[in-house]
């Protein structure tokens, strides 16, 4: 079980590094947009839209990485006072009965959204905007699949910790 969890963790860490590079790309994109707008009085709608698309991808994949690193928002005023084994049970229960079902619901609910964008060749409504809107829309289920991947790792981590406590 530990070997499987290590595989998940290495994959999630790799995605975390990819996300950090995307963050750098986002900063450079914004910098380019600001320089073009204020110094050359010219801007690109496509570059502005790319900012939002990069931001969306960073958030969608960042949530899975935050779960792995346990850096997501939590109501800790109760949780901090619980015993480690109680925390493990809460984490397992919450992940199985809340996180995964919501992620599956979003994945299944977004497939029509993507299919429609692909079939209609949806593009930006703004002149000079980005084409192929289905690509960014496909990041929604992909990000939530990654979240489920991270959730499985999180469940395994908590099971391993429970087993170590019982020894």
Protein backbone atom coordinates (compact mmCIF):
# COMPACT_ATOMS: atom_id res chain seq x y z
CA UNK A 1 0.00 0.00 0.00
CA UNK A 2 2.88 2.35 0.80
CA UNK A 3 4.37 1.73 -2.66
CA UNK A 4 1.10 2.70 -4.35
CA UNK A 5 0.82 5.80 -2.19
CA UNK A 6 4.41 6.77 -3.08
CA UNK A 7 3.57 6.46 -6.79
CA UNK A 8 0.57 8.74 -6.30
CA UNK A 9 2.65 11.23 -4.31
CA UNK A 10 5.41 11.38 -6.94
CA UNK A 11 2.85 11.98 -9.68
CA UNK A 12 1.14 14.70 -7.63
CA UNK A 13 4.51 16.32 -6.87
CA UNK A 14 5.30 16.33 -10.60
CA UNK A 15 1.99 18.07 -11.31
CA UNK A 16 2.82 20.56 -8.56
CA UNK A 17 6.02 21.43 -10.41
CA UNK A 18 4.09 21.79 -13.67
CA UNK A 19 1.63 24.10 -11.91
CA UNK A 20 4.47 26.23 -10.57
CA UNK A 21 5.81 26.66 -14.12
CA UNK A 22 2.33 27.60 -15.29
CA UNK A 23 2.27 30.23 -12.55
CA UNK A 24 5.49 31.69 -13.94
CA UNK A 25 3.96 31.64 -17.42
CA UNK A 26 0.90 33.47 -16.05
CA UNK A 27 3.09 36.17 -14.47
CA UNK A 28 4.98 36.64 -17.75
CA UNK A 29 1.70 36.80 -19.65
CA UNK A 30 0.36 39.51 -17.31
CA UNK A 31 3.66 41.40 -17.52
CA UNK A 32 3.54 41.29 -21.32
CA UNK A 33 -0.06 42.52 -21.27
CA UNK A 34 0.76 45.41 -18.91
CA UNK A 35 3.83 46.48 -20.89
CA UNK A 36 1.92 46.35 -24.19
CA UNK A 37 -1.02 48.28 -22.78
CA UNK A 38 0.77 51.05 -20.88
CA UNK A 39 3.92 51.56 -22.93
CA UNK A 40 2.74 50.77 -26.44
CA UNK A 41 -1.02 51.50 -26.07
CA UNK A 42 -1.77 48.15 -27.58
CA UNK A 43 -3.20 45.01 -26.06
CA UNK A 44 -4.23 41.56 -27.16
CA UNK A 45 -7.60 40.13 -26.23
CA UNK A 46 -6.15 36.66 -26.78
CA UNK A 47 -3.39 37.30 -24.24
CA UNK A 48 -5.91 38.64 -21.73
CA UNK A 49 -8.06 35.55 -22.18
CA UNK A 50 -4.96 33.37 -21.83
CA UNK A 51 -4.45 34.90 -18.37
CA UNK A 52 -7.84 33.61 -17.27
CA UNK A 53 -7.28 30.23 -18.89
CA UNK A 54 -3.90 29.77 -17.20
CA UNK A 55 -5.38 30.90 -13.89
CA UNK A 56 -8.20 28.36 -14.25
CA UNK A 57 -5.78 25.51 -14.97
CA UNK A 58 -3.58 26.52 -12.02
CA UNK A 59 -6.59 26.48 -9.68
CA UNK A 60 -8.09 23.26 -11.07
CA UNK A 61 -4.85 21.32 -10.69
CA UNK A 62 -3.67 23.22 -7.62
CA UNK A 63 -6.59 21.92 -5.57
CA UNK A 64 -5.32 18.34 -5.96
CA UNK A 65 -1.81 19.40 -5.00
CA UNK A 66 -3.18 21.31 -1.98
CA UNK A 67 -4.97 18.15 -0.84
CA UNK A 68 -1.74 16.17 -0.99
CA UNK A 69 0.21 18.80 0.95
CA UNK A 70 -2.69 19.29 3.39
CA UNK A 71 -2.64 23.03 2.68
CA UNK A 72 -6.30 23.51 1.82
CA UNK A 73 -8.69 25.53 3.95
CA UNK A 74 -10.22 23.69 6.86
CA UNK A 75 -12.17 24.66 9.96
CA UNK A 76 -9.36 23.81 12.36
CA UNK A 77 -10.76 25.06 15.66
CA UNK A 78 -12.37 21.64 16.24
CA UNK A 79 -10.13 19.44 14.11
CA UNK A 80 -6.91 20.46 15.90
CA UNK A 81 -8.18 19.12 19.22
CA UNK A 82 -8.93 15.62 17.90
CA UNK A 83 -6.65 12.63 18.36
CA UNK A 84 -4.58 11.65 15.28
CA UNK A 85 -6.66 8.53 14.67
CA UNK A 86 -9.89 10.56 14.83
CA UNK A 87 -8.43 12.98 12.30
CA UNK A 88 -7.56 10.05 10.02
CA UNK A 89 -11.12 8.70 10.21
CA UNK A 90 -12.57 12.15 9.49
CA UNK A 91 -10.22 12.57 6.52
CA UNK A 92 -11.10 9.16 5.08
CA UNK A 93 -14.85 9.62 5.63
CA UNK A 94 -14.90 13.16 4.25
CA UNK A 95 -12.88 12.21 1.19
CA UNK A 96 -14.95 9.13 0.34
CA UNK A 97 -18.41 10.56 1.06
CA UNK A 98 -18.00 14.22 0.12
CA UNK A 99 -14.95 15.02 -2.00
CA UNK A 100 -15.06 12.10 -4.43
CA UNK A 101 -18.84 12.21 -5.10
CA UNK A 102 -18.73 15.97 -5.75
CA UNK A 103 -15.74 15.51 -8.07
CA UNK A 104 -17.52 12.71 -9.96
CA UNK A 105 -20.64 14.90 -10.23
CA UNK A 106 -18.60 17.75 -11.72
CA UNK A 107 -16.78 15.40 -14.12
CA UNK A 108 -20.01 13.88 -15.42
CA UNK A 109 -21.77 17.24 -15.51
CA UNK A 110 -19.05 18.90 -17.54
CA UNK A 111 -18.86 16.39 -20.38
CA UNK A 112 -21.86 17.84 -22.26
CA UNK A 113 -20.39 21.29 -21.75
CA UNK A 114 -17.17 20.22 -23.47
CA UNK A 115 -18.90 18.22 -26.17
CA UNK A 116 -21.11 21.18 -27.12
CA UNK A 117 -18.10 23.50 -27.29
CA UNK A 118 -16.26 21.01 -29.51
CA UNK A 119 -19.18 20.28 -31.85
CA UNK A 120 -20.01 23.96 -32.34
CA UNK A 121 -16.33 24.94 -32.65
CA UNK A 122 -16.91 27.49 -29.91
CA UNK A 123 -14.57 30.47 -29.95
CA UNK A 124 -14.26 33.65 -27.96
CA UNK A 125 -17.00 36.22 -28.48
CA UNK A 126 -14.38 38.98 -28.53
CA UNK A 127 -12.53 39.88 -31.73
CA UNK A 128 -8.98 38.58 -31.46
CA UNK A 129 -9.95 36.18 -28.68
CA UNK A 130 -8.89 32.58 -28.36
CA UNK A 131 -10.32 29.78 -30.45
CA UNK A 132 -10.92 26.15 -29.45
CA UNK A 133 -12.79 26.89 -26.22
CA UNK A 134 -13.33 23.17 -25.72
CA UNK A 135 -9.68 22.81 -24.66
CA UNK A 136 -10.03 25.02 -21.59
CA UNK A 137 -13.42 23.49 -20.83
CA UNK A 138 -11.79 20.03 -20.96
CA UNK A 139 -9.54 21.15 -18.11
CA UNK A 140 -12.56 21.04 -15.77
CA UNK A 141 -13.00 17.25 -15.74
CA UNK A 142 -9.24 16.75 -16.10
CA UNK A 143 -8.63 18.85 -12.99
CA UNK A 144 -11.26 16.93 -11.04
CA UNK A 145 -9.87 13.59 -12.23
CA UNK A 146 -6.55 14.78 -10.84
CA UNK A 147 -8.35 15.73 -7.62
CA UNK A 148 -9.75 12.17 -7.35
CA UNK A 149 -6.24 10.86 -8.01
CA UNK A 150 -5.01 13.04 -5.13
CA UNK A 151 -7.96 11.93 -2.99
CA UNK A 152 -6.99 8.28 -3.43
CA UNK A 153 -3.47 9.13 -2.30
CA UNK A 154 -4.90 11.06 0.66
CA UNK A 155 -7.08 8.10 1.68
CA UNK A 156 -4.12 5.71 1.43
CA UNK A 157 -1.96 8.08 3.49
CA UNK A 158 -4.59 8.20 6.23
CA UNK A 159 -5.06 4.41 6.21
CA UNK A 160 -1.28 3.95 6.51
CA UNK A 161 -1.19 6.41 9.41
CA UNK A 162 -4.07 4.56 11.12
CA UNK A 163 -2.24 1.25 10.78
CA UNK A 164 0.93 2.78 12.25
CA UNK A 165 -1.02 4.15 15.23
CA UNK A 166 -2.53 0.71 15.91
CA UNK A 167 0.90 -0.98 16.03
